[in-house]
Amino acid sequence: MKIYTKTGDKGFTSLIGGTRVPKHHLRIESYGTVDELNSYIGLIRDQDIAGHDKEMLKQIQDRLFTIGSSLASDPEKSKMIIPDLHIADVELLEQEIDAMNGQLPELRHFILPGGNNIISFCHIARCICRRAERITVHLSEESTVDEKVNVYLNRLSDYLFTLARKIGNERKIPENQWIPRI
């Protein structure tokens, strides 16, 4: 299989199902942003973090490929069987968030991103995740999107925020609390 096909040279690409759309199409923006998020999660996995967190992030990357497949499909024309997202995937994120929160001090302030590279990578991934969610919510107003996709992305951004706090807590890095000027 060749890496380049030349079929996108004029600014169009194909969805699963064969529909040709411009590369700026909202569906392309949605799965492209999920792909960007997946790359940042890979960057977090490459850091010196706990083995459990690495395994969890690998599972998340798998789910993001599932989401990308769903978003890359033309809901009216695709007959291809693609992997499915399950409510248990959302529940797993919630369980992980609850477990991490159980180890953390109560959150009393907004947190400014930063503290060290790993924490910053988590916050960048969180922001990309929020953007992916905004785009897929917009897409769902115009086209069919599995509602679990938006729920998963929403919960994933919470997971990434909590992971940033957990990593900082484990390394005894003080949180950058935002204290607003008044």
N, C-alpha and C. Protein backbone atom coordinates (compact mmCIF):
# COMPACT_ATOMS: atom_id res chain seq x y z
N MET A 1 0.84 -1.18 0.00
CA MET A 1 0.00 0.00 0.00
C MET A 1 0.88 1.24 0.00
N LYS A 2 0.62 2.14 -0.90
CA LYS A 2 1.39 3.38 -0.96
C LYS A 2 0.90 4.35 0.10
N ILE A 3 1.83 5.12 0.64
CA ILE A 3 1.49 6.15 1.62
C ILE A 3 0.78 7.31 0.93
N TYR A 4 1.24 7.68 -0.24
CA TYR A 4 0.61 8.79 -0.95
C TYR A 4 -0.27 8.24 -2.06
N THR A 5 -1.44 8.87 -2.22
CA THR A 5 -2.39 8.44 -3.24
C THR A 5 -2.62 9.51 -4.30
N LYS A 6 -2.30 10.74 -3.97
CA LYS A 6 -2.50 11.91 -4.83
C LYS A 6 -3.97 12.26 -5.00
N THR A 7 -4.88 11.53 -4.34
CA THR A 7 -6.31 11.81 -4.49
C THR A 7 -6.74 13.03 -3.68
N GLY A 8 -5.89 13.51 -2.79
CA GLY A 8 -6.24 14.68 -2.00
C GLY A 8 -5.54 15.95 -2.44
N ASP A 9 -4.86 15.90 -3.56
CA ASP A 9 -4.06 17.03 -4.01
C ASP A 9 -4.88 18.28 -4.32
N LYS A 10 -6.14 18.12 -4.58
CA LYS A 10 -6.99 19.27 -4.92
C LYS A 10 -7.84 19.72 -3.74
N GLY A 11 -7.50 19.24 -2.53
CA GLY A 11 -8.19 19.72 -1.34
C GLY A 11 -9.43 18.94 -0.95
N PHE A 12 -9.60 17.75 -1.50
CA PHE A 12 -10.73 16.90 -1.14
C PHE A 12 -10.22 15.57 -0.63
N THR A 13 -11.02 14.91 0.18
CA THR A 13 -10.67 13.59 0.71
C THR A 13 -11.94 12.76 0.77
N SER A 14 -11.79 11.47 0.97
CA SER A 14 -12.94 10.56 1.03
C SER A 14 -13.22 10.12 2.45
N LEU A 15 -14.50 10.07 2.77
CA LEU A 15 -14.94 9.48 4.03
C LEU A 15 -15.08 7.98 3.82
N ILE A 16 -15.15 7.23 4.92
CA ILE A 16 -15.48 5.81 4.81
C ILE A 16 -16.90 5.74 4.26
N GLY A 17 -17.06 5.09 3.14
CA GLY A 17 -18.34 5.07 2.44
C GLY A 17 -18.20 5.70 1.07
N GLY A 18 -17.07 6.41 0.84
CA GLY A 18 -16.77 6.92 -0.49
C GLY A 18 -17.12 8.37 -0.74
N THR A 19 -17.87 9.00 0.12
CA THR A 19 -18.24 10.40 -0.09
C THR A 19 -17.00 11.28 -0.09
N ARG A 20 -16.87 12.14 -1.11
CA ARG A 20 -15.76 13.09 -1.20
C ARG A 20 -16.21 14.40 -0.56
N VAL A 21 -15.35 14.92 0.31
CA VAL A 21 -15.65 16.18 1.00
C VAL A 21 -14.39 17.04 1.00
N PRO A 22 -14.55 18.37 1.13
CA PRO A 22 -13.36 19.22 1.24
C PRO A 22 -12.61 18.92 2.54
N LYS A 23 -11.32 19.11 2.51
CA LYS A 23 -10.50 18.80 3.68
C LYS A 23 -10.80 19.71 4.87
N HIS A 24 -11.52 20.80 4.63
CA HIS A 24 -11.92 21.68 5.73
C HIS A 24 -13.30 21.32 6.28
N HIS A 25 -13.90 20.25 5.77
CA HIS A 25 -15.23 19.81 6.22
C HIS A 25 -15.20 19.55 7.72
N LEU A 26 -16.28 19.84 8.38
CA LEU A 26 -16.37 19.68 9.83
C LEU A 26 -16.08 18.25 10.27
N ARG A 27 -16.48 17.29 9.48
CA ARG A 27 -16.20 15.88 9.83
C ARG A 27 -14.69 15.62 9.80
N ILE A 28 -14.00 16.21 8.84
CA ILE A 28 -12.54 16.04 8.75
C ILE A 28 -11.88 16.77 9.92
N GLU A 29 -12.35 17.98 10.23
CA GLU A 29 -11.84 18.71 11.39
C GLU A 29 -12.02 17.90 12.67
N SER A 30 -13.15 17.22 12.79
CA SER A 30 -13.42 16.47 14.02
C SER A 30 -12.44 15.31 14.19
N TYR A 31 -12.30 14.47 13.16
CA TYR A 31 -11.41 13.33 13.37
C TYR A 31 -9.94 13.74 13.28
N GLY A 32 -9.64 14.83 12.59
CA GLY A 32 -8.27 15.34 12.59
C GLY A 32 -7.86 15.85 13.96
N THR A 33 -8.78 16.48 14.67
CA THR A 33 -8.48 16.97 16.01
C THR A 33 -8.37 15.81 16.99
N VAL A 34 -9.18 14.78 16.81
CA VAL A 34 -9.05 13.57 17.64
C VAL A 34 -7.69 12.92 17.39
N ASP A 35 -7.23 12.92 16.16
CA ASP A 35 -5.91 12.37 15.83
C ASP A 35 -4.80 13.20 16.50
N GLU A 36 -4.94 14.52 16.47
CA GLU A 36 -3.97 15.40 17.15
C GLU A 36 -3.94 15.09 18.64
N LEU A 37 -5.11 14.93 19.24
CA LEU A 37 -5.20 14.57 20.66
C LEU A 37 -4.50 13.24 20.92
N ASN A 38 -4.72 12.28 20.06
CA ASN A 38 -4.11 10.96 20.22
C ASN A 38 -2.59 11.06 20.21
N SER A 39 -2.05 11.92 19.36
CA SER A 39 -0.60 12.11 19.30
C SER A 39 -0.07 12.71 20.60
N TYR A 40 -0.79 13.66 21.17
CA TYR A 40 -0.35 14.24 22.44
C TYR A 40 -0.44 13.22 23.57
N ILE A 41 -1.44 12.37 23.53
CA ILE A 41 -1.54 11.33 24.55
C ILE A 41 -0.36 10.37 24.41
N GLY A 42 0.06 10.09 23.18
CA GLY A 42 1.26 9.29 22.98
C GLY A 42 2.49 9.97 23.58
N LEU A 43 2.57 11.28 23.47
CA LEU A 43 3.67 12.03 24.06
C LEU A 43 3.66 11.89 25.59
N ILE A 44 2.49 11.94 26.18
CA ILE A 44 2.38 11.75 27.64
C ILE A 44 2.82 10.34 28.01
N ARG A 45 2.38 9.36 27.24
CA ARG A 45 2.76 7.96 27.51
C ARG A 45 4.27 7.76 27.43
N ASP A 46 4.94 8.54 26.62
CA ASP A 46 6.39 8.40 26.46
C ASP A 46 7.18 8.99 27.63
N GLN A 47 6.51 9.64 28.56
CA GLN A 47 7.17 10.26 29.70
C GLN A 47 7.35 9.24 30.83
N ASP A 48 8.08 9.64 31.83
CA ASP A 48 8.33 8.80 33.00
C ASP A 48 7.13 8.91 33.94
N ILE A 49 6.10 8.10 33.66
CA ILE A 49 4.89 8.08 34.49
C ILE A 49 4.62 6.64 34.92
N ALA A 50 3.70 6.49 35.85
CA ALA A 50 3.38 5.17 36.40
C ALA A 50 2.90 4.22 35.30
N GLY A 51 3.24 2.95 35.48
CA GLY A 51 2.84 1.92 34.52
C GLY A 51 1.35 1.85 34.32
N HIS A 52 0.58 1.98 35.40
CA HIS A 52 -0.88 1.95 35.27
C HIS A 52 -1.37 3.10 34.39
N ASP A 53 -0.79 4.28 34.57
CA ASP A 53 -1.19 5.43 33.76
C ASP A 53 -0.83 5.21 32.30
N LYS A 54 0.33 4.61 32.04
CA LYS A 54 0.71 4.30 30.66
C LYS A 54 -0.28 3.34 30.01
N GLU A 55 -0.68 2.32 30.76
CA GLU A 55 -1.64 1.35 30.22
C GLU A 55 -3.00 1.99 29.98
N MET A 56 -3.42 2.83 30.89
CA MET A 56 -4.69 3.53 30.73
C MET A 56 -4.64 4.44 29.50
N LEU A 57 -3.55 5.15 29.32
CA LEU A 57 -3.42 6.03 28.16
C LEU A 57 -3.41 5.24 26.85
N LYS A 58 -2.83 4.04 26.88
CA LYS A 58 -2.86 3.19 25.69
C LYS A 58 -4.29 2.79 25.35
N GLN A 59 -5.08 2.46 26.37
CA GLN A 59 -6.49 2.13 26.14
C GLN A 59 -7.23 3.34 25.57
N ILE A 60 -6.93 4.51 26.11
CA ILE A 60 -7.56 5.74 25.62
C ILE A 60 -7.19 5.95 24.15
N GLN A 61 -5.93 5.72 23.80
CA GLN A 61 -5.52 5.88 22.40
C GLN A 61 -6.31 4.93 21.50
N ASP A 62 -6.55 3.72 21.97
CA ASP A 62 -7.35 2.77 21.21
C ASP A 62 -8.77 3.31 21.01
N ARG A 63 -9.37 3.83 22.08
CA ARG A 63 -10.72 4.39 21.99
C ARG A 63 -10.76 5.59 21.05
N LEU A 64 -9.68 6.39 21.04
CA LEU A 64 -9.65 7.54 20.14
C LEU A 64 -9.58 7.09 18.68
N PHE A 65 -8.92 5.96 18.40
CA PHE A 65 -8.96 5.41 17.05
C PHE A 65 -10.38 4.96 16.70
N THR A 66 -11.07 4.39 17.67
CA THR A 66 -12.46 4.00 17.48
C THR A 66 -13.31 5.23 17.15
N ILE A 67 -13.12 6.29 17.92
CA ILE A 67 -13.86 7.53 17.69
C ILE A 67 -13.51 8.09 16.31
N GLY A 68 -12.23 8.09 15.98
CA GLY A 68 -11.81 8.58 14.67
C GLY A 68 -12.46 7.80 13.53
N SER A 69 -12.57 6.49 13.67
CA SER A 69 -13.23 5.66 12.66
C SER A 69 -14.69 6.04 12.51
N SER A 70 -15.34 6.25 13.64
CA SER A 70 -16.74 6.64 13.62
C SER A 70 -16.93 7.98 12.94
N LEU A 71 -16.07 8.94 13.28
CA LEU A 71 -16.19 10.28 12.71
C LEU A 71 -15.80 10.32 11.23
N ALA A 72 -14.95 9.40 10.80
CA ALA A 72 -14.49 9.36 9.41
C ALA A 72 -15.48 8.65 8.49
N SER A 73 -16.56 8.14 9.04
CA SER A 73 -17.55 7.40 8.26
C SER A 73 -18.70 8.29 7.83
N ASP A 74 -19.12 8.11 6.60
CA ASP A 74 -20.32 8.80 6.12
C ASP A 74 -21.51 8.05 6.71
N PRO A 75 -22.27 8.67 7.62
CA PRO A 75 -23.35 7.94 8.29
C PRO A 75 -24.44 7.46 7.35
N GLU A 76 -24.56 8.07 6.17
CA GLU A 76 -25.60 7.66 5.22
C GLU A 76 -25.13 6.58 4.25
N LYS A 77 -23.81 6.51 3.99
CA LYS A 77 -23.35 5.64 2.91
C LYS A 77 -22.45 4.49 3.35
N SER A 78 -21.79 4.62 4.49
CA SER A 78 -20.82 3.60 4.87
C SER A 78 -21.52 2.32 5.31
N LYS A 79 -21.07 1.22 4.75
CA LYS A 79 -21.57 -0.10 5.16
C LYS A 79 -20.48 -0.87 5.90
N MET A 80 -19.33 -0.23 6.07
CA MET A 80 -18.19 -0.86 6.73
C MET A 80 -18.48 -1.01 8.22
N ILE A 81 -18.16 -2.15 8.76
CA ILE A 81 -18.29 -2.37 10.20
C ILE A 81 -17.05 -1.78 10.86
N ILE A 82 -17.28 -0.84 11.76
CA ILE A 82 -16.17 -0.19 12.46
C ILE A 82 -16.30 -0.50 13.95
N PRO A 83 -15.21 -0.36 14.71
CA PRO A 83 -15.28 -0.61 16.15
C PRO A 83 -16.31 0.32 16.79
N ASP A 84 -16.82 -0.11 17.92
CA ASP A 84 -17.88 0.63 18.60
C ASP A 84 -17.38 1.13 19.95
N LEU A 85 -17.82 2.31 20.31
CA LEU A 85 -17.56 2.87 21.63
C LEU A 85 -18.66 2.38 22.55
N HIS A 86 -18.32 2.05 23.78
CA HIS A 86 -19.30 1.53 24.74
C HIS A 86 -19.42 2.47 25.93
N ILE A 87 -20.55 2.45 26.58
CA ILE A 87 -20.74 3.25 27.79
C ILE A 87 -19.73 2.83 28.86
N ALA A 88 -19.30 1.58 28.84
CA ALA A 88 -18.28 1.10 29.79
C ALA A 88 -16.96 1.85 29.61
N ASP A 89 -16.70 2.35 28.39
CA ASP A 89 -15.48 3.14 28.16
C ASP A 89 -15.55 4.46 28.93
N VAL A 90 -16.72 5.07 28.95
CA VAL A 90 -16.93 6.30 29.72
C VAL A 90 -16.84 5.99 31.21
N GLU A 91 -17.46 4.90 31.62
CA GLU A 91 -17.46 4.52 33.03
C GLU A 91 -16.04 4.25 33.53
N LEU A 92 -15.20 3.67 32.69
CA LEU A 92 -13.81 3.44 33.08
C LEU A 92 -13.10 4.76 33.36
N LEU A 93 -13.31 5.75 32.50
CA LEU A 93 -12.72 7.07 32.75
C LEU A 93 -13.21 7.63 34.08
N GLU A 94 -14.49 7.49 34.35
CA GLU A 94 -15.05 7.99 35.61
C GLU A 94 -14.44 7.28 36.81
N GLN A 95 -14.26 5.97 36.71
CA GLN A 95 -13.64 5.22 37.81
C GLN A 95 -12.20 5.67 38.04
N GLU A 96 -11.47 5.89 36.95
CA GLU A 96 -10.09 6.35 37.07
C GLU A 96 -10.02 7.75 37.67
N ILE A 97 -10.91 8.63 37.26
CA ILE A 97 -10.96 9.98 37.81
C ILE A 97 -11.24 9.91 39.31
N ASP A 98 -12.22 9.12 39.69
CA ASP A 98 -12.57 8.99 41.11
C ASP A 98 -11.40 8.44 41.92
N ALA A 99 -10.71 7.44 41.37
CA ALA A 99 -9.57 6.85 42.09
C ALA A 99 -8.45 7.88 42.25
N MET A 100 -8.16 8.65 41.21
CA MET A 100 -7.12 9.66 41.32
C MET A 100 -7.53 10.77 42.28
N ASN A 101 -8.78 11.19 42.19
CA ASN A 101 -9.26 12.25 43.08
C ASN A 101 -9.19 11.85 44.54
N GLY A 102 -9.32 10.56 44.81
CA GLY A 102 -9.23 10.06 46.18
C GLY A 102 -7.85 10.26 46.79
N GLN A 103 -6.83 10.44 45.95
CA GLN A 103 -5.46 10.63 46.41
C GLN A 103 -5.06 12.11 46.44
N LEU A 104 -5.93 12.99 45.98
CA LEU A 104 -5.57 14.39 45.79
C LEU A 104 -6.21 15.29 46.83
N PRO A 105 -5.55 16.41 47.13
CA PRO A 105 -6.19 17.39 48.02
C PRO A 105 -7.42 17.99 47.32
N GLU A 106 -8.35 18.45 48.12
CA GLU A 106 -9.56 19.06 47.57
C GLU A 106 -9.19 20.24 46.67
N LEU A 107 -9.89 20.35 45.58
CA LEU A 107 -9.65 21.43 44.62
C LEU A 107 -10.44 22.65 45.07
N ARG A 108 -9.72 23.73 45.40
CA ARG A 108 -10.37 24.94 45.90
C ARG A 108 -10.15 26.15 45.00
N HIS A 109 -9.29 26.00 43.99
CA HIS A 109 -8.98 27.09 43.08
C HIS A 109 -8.89 26.55 41.66
N PHE A 110 -9.01 27.44 40.70
CA PHE A 110 -8.65 27.06 39.34
C PHE A 110 -7.14 26.86 39.32
N ILE A 111 -6.70 25.99 38.42
CA ILE A 111 -5.28 25.65 38.33
C ILE A 111 -4.73 26.20 37.01
N LEU A 112 -3.64 26.95 37.12
CA LEU A 112 -2.94 27.41 35.92
C LEU A 112 -2.10 26.25 35.38
N PRO A 113 -2.16 25.98 34.08
CA PRO A 113 -1.36 24.89 33.52
C PRO A 113 0.12 25.10 33.76
N GLY A 114 0.84 24.03 34.00
CA GLY A 114 2.29 24.07 34.16
C GLY A 114 2.74 23.40 35.44
N GLY A 115 4.01 23.44 35.67
CA GLY A 115 4.62 22.81 36.84
C GLY A 115 5.81 21.97 36.43
N ASN A 116 5.64 21.20 35.38
CA ASN A 116 6.74 20.50 34.71
C ASN A 116 6.24 20.05 33.34
N ASN A 117 7.12 19.45 32.55
CA ASN A 117 6.73 19.10 31.18
C ASN A 117 5.56 18.13 31.12
N ILE A 118 5.56 17.11 31.96
CA ILE A 118 4.49 16.11 31.90
C ILE A 118 3.15 16.75 32.23
N ILE A 119 3.13 17.55 33.27
CA ILE A 119 1.88 18.24 33.65
C ILE A 119 1.42 19.13 32.49
N SER A 120 2.35 19.86 31.91
CA SER A 120 2.00 20.73 30.78
C SER A 120 1.47 19.93 29.60
N PHE A 121 2.09 18.78 29.30
CA PHE A 121 1.59 17.94 28.21
C PHE A 121 0.15 17.50 28.49
N CYS A 122 -0.14 17.15 29.73
CA CYS A 122 -1.51 16.75 30.09
C CYS A 122 -2.49 17.90 29.84
N HIS A 123 -2.09 19.11 30.20
CA HIS A 123 -2.97 20.26 29.99
C HIS A 123 -3.15 20.59 28.51
N ILE A 124 -2.09 20.45 27.73
CA ILE A 124 -2.23 20.66 26.28
C ILE A 124 -3.20 19.63 25.71
N ALA A 125 -3.04 18.37 26.10
CA ALA A 125 -3.94 17.32 25.63
C ALA A 125 -5.38 17.62 26.07
N ARG A 126 -5.54 18.12 27.29
CA ARG A 126 -6.89 18.47 27.78
C ARG A 126 -7.51 19.55 26.90
N CYS A 127 -6.73 20.55 26.54
CA CYS A 127 -7.24 21.63 25.69
C CYS A 127 -7.61 21.12 24.29
N ILE A 128 -6.78 20.25 23.73
CA ILE A 128 -7.08 19.67 22.42
C ILE A 128 -8.34 18.82 22.52
N CYS A 129 -8.48 18.10 23.63
CA CYS A 129 -9.67 17.28 23.84
C CYS A 129 -10.92 18.15 23.88
N ARG A 130 -10.85 19.28 24.57
CA ARG A 130 -11.99 20.20 24.62
C ARG A 130 -12.32 20.73 23.23
N ARG A 131 -11.29 21.02 22.44
CA ARG A 131 -11.54 21.48 21.07
C ARG A 131 -12.20 20.37 20.25
N ALA A 132 -11.70 19.15 20.39
CA ALA A 132 -12.31 18.01 19.68
C ALA A 132 -13.78 17.88 20.07
N GLU A 133 -14.05 18.04 21.35
CA GLU A 133 -15.43 17.95 21.81
C GLU A 133 -16.29 19.06 21.19
N ARG A 134 -15.78 20.29 21.18
CA ARG A 134 -16.55 21.40 20.59
C ARG A 134 -16.85 21.12 19.12
N ILE A 135 -15.87 20.62 18.40
CA ILE A 135 -16.06 20.35 16.97
C ILE A 135 -17.07 19.22 16.77
N THR A 136 -16.97 18.15 17.56
CA THR A 136 -17.91 17.04 17.38
C THR A 136 -19.32 17.43 17.81
N VAL A 137 -19.45 18.29 18.81
CA VAL A 137 -20.78 18.78 19.18
C VAL A 137 -21.36 19.58 18.02
N HIS A 138 -20.54 20.43 17.42
CA HIS A 138 -20.98 21.19 16.24
C HIS A 138 -21.38 20.24 15.11
N LEU A 139 -20.54 19.24 14.85
CA LEU A 139 -20.85 18.27 13.80
C LEU A 139 -22.17 17.56 14.10
N SER A 140 -22.42 17.23 15.36
CA SER A 140 -23.64 16.50 15.72
C SER A 140 -24.91 17.33 15.48
N GLU A 141 -24.75 18.65 15.39
CA GLU A 141 -25.90 19.51 15.05
C GLU A 141 -26.24 19.44 13.57
N GLU A 142 -25.27 19.00 12.75
CA GLU A 142 -25.45 18.95 11.31
C GLU A 142 -25.55 17.54 10.74
N SER A 143 -25.03 16.56 11.48
CA SER A 143 -24.93 15.21 10.95
C SER A 143 -24.99 14.22 12.10
N THR A 144 -25.07 12.96 11.76
CA THR A 144 -25.13 11.92 12.77
C THR A 144 -23.77 11.70 13.41
N VAL A 145 -23.73 11.78 14.75
CA VAL A 145 -22.55 11.47 15.54
C VAL A 145 -23.02 10.64 16.72
N ASP A 146 -22.38 9.53 16.95
CA ASP A 146 -22.70 8.70 18.11
C ASP A 146 -22.61 9.56 19.36
N GLU A 147 -23.69 9.65 20.13
CA GLU A 147 -23.69 10.54 21.31
C GLU A 147 -22.63 10.15 22.34
N LYS A 148 -22.22 8.88 22.34
CA LYS A 148 -21.17 8.46 23.27
C LYS A 148 -19.83 9.12 22.95
N VAL A 149 -19.63 9.54 21.71
CA VAL A 149 -18.39 10.23 21.33
C VAL A 149 -18.25 11.52 22.12
N ASN A 150 -19.30 12.33 22.14
CA ASN A 150 -19.23 13.60 22.86
C ASN A 150 -19.10 13.39 24.37
N VAL A 151 -19.79 12.40 24.89
CA VAL A 151 -19.69 12.09 26.33
C VAL A 151 -18.27 11.64 26.66
N TYR A 152 -17.71 10.76 25.83
CA TYR A 152 -16.36 10.25 26.07
C TYR A 152 -15.34 11.39 26.05
N LEU A 153 -15.43 12.26 25.05
CA LEU A 153 -14.48 13.37 24.96
C LEU A 153 -14.62 14.31 26.15
N ASN A 154 -15.85 14.53 26.59
CA ASN A 154 -16.06 15.38 27.76
C ASN A 154 -15.40 14.78 28.99
N ARG A 155 -15.60 13.50 29.20
CA ARG A 155 -15.02 12.83 30.36
C ARG A 155 -13.51 12.72 30.24
N LEU A 156 -13.02 12.52 29.01
CA LEU A 156 -11.58 12.41 28.81
C LEU A 156 -10.86 13.70 29.19
N SER A 157 -11.45 14.84 28.90
CA SER A 157 -10.80 16.09 29.29
C SER A 157 -10.72 16.19 30.82
N ASP A 158 -11.75 15.71 31.51
CA ASP A 158 -11.70 15.68 32.98
C ASP A 158 -10.61 14.72 33.47
N TYR A 159 -10.49 13.59 32.79
CA TYR A 159 -9.45 12.61 33.14
C TYR A 159 -8.06 13.24 32.99
N LEU A 160 -7.83 13.93 31.88
CA LEU A 160 -6.52 14.53 31.63
C LEU A 160 -6.19 15.62 32.64
N PHE A 161 -7.19 16.40 33.05
CA PHE A 161 -6.98 17.41 34.09
C PHE A 161 -6.60 16.73 35.40
N THR A 162 -7.32 15.68 35.75
CA THR A 162 -7.06 14.96 37.00
C THR A 162 -5.71 14.26 36.95
N LEU A 163 -5.35 13.71 35.79
CA LEU A 163 -4.04 13.08 35.64
C LEU A 163 -2.93 14.10 35.85
N ALA A 164 -3.10 15.30 35.32
CA ALA A 164 -2.09 16.36 35.54
C ALA A 164 -1.93 16.63 37.03
N ARG A 165 -3.03 16.72 37.75
CA ARG A 165 -2.97 16.96 39.20
C ARG A 165 -2.30 15.79 39.92
N LYS A 166 -2.64 14.58 39.52
CA LYS A 166 -2.07 13.38 40.15
C LYS A 166 -0.56 13.33 39.96
N ILE A 167 -0.11 13.59 38.73
CA ILE A 167 1.32 13.55 38.44
C ILE A 167 2.05 14.61 39.26
N GLY A 168 1.48 15.79 39.34
CA GLY A 168 2.09 16.85 40.14
C GLY A 168 2.14 16.47 41.61
N ASN A 169 1.08 15.89 42.11
CA ASN A 169 1.02 15.48 43.51
C ASN A 169 2.06 14.39 43.81
N GLU A 170 2.19 13.43 42.91
CA GLU A 170 3.18 12.36 43.10
C GLU A 170 4.60 12.90 43.13
N ARG A 171 4.85 13.95 42.37
CA ARG A 171 6.19 14.53 42.28
C ARG A 171 6.37 15.70 43.26
N LYS A 172 5.36 15.92 44.08
CA LYS A 172 5.41 17.00 45.09
C LYS A 172 5.64 18.38 44.43
N ILE A 173 5.00 18.57 43.29
CA ILE A 173 5.06 19.85 42.59
C ILE A 173 3.82 20.65 42.98
N PRO A 174 4.02 21.81 43.56
CA PRO A 174 2.85 22.60 43.97
C PRO A 174 2.00 23.01 42.76
N GLU A 175 0.69 22.98 42.97
CA GLU A 175 -0.21 23.41 41.90
C GLU A 175 -0.13 24.93 41.74
N ASN A 176 -0.20 25.36 40.50
CA ASN A 176 -0.21 26.79 40.19
C ASN A 176 -1.65 27.28 40.33
N GLN A 177 -2.03 27.67 41.52
CA GLN A 177 -3.39 28.12 41.76
C GLN A 177 -3.60 29.51 41.17
N TRP A 178 -4.75 29.68 40.56
CA TRP A 178 -5.09 31.00 40.05
C TRP A 178 -5.83 31.75 41.14
N ILE A 179 -5.21 32.83 41.59
CA ILE A 179 -5.84 33.70 42.58
C ILE A 179 -6.13 35.00 41.83
N PRO A 180 -7.38 35.25 41.50
CA PRO A 180 -7.69 36.42 40.67
C PRO A 180 -7.42 37.74 41.40
N ARG A 181 -6.93 38.70 40.63
CA ARG A 181 -6.77 40.06 41.18
C ARG A 181 -8.16 40.68 41.30
N ILE A 182 -8.37 41.29 42.40
CA ILE A 182 -9.67 41.96 42.60
C ILE A 182 -9.42 43.37 43.05
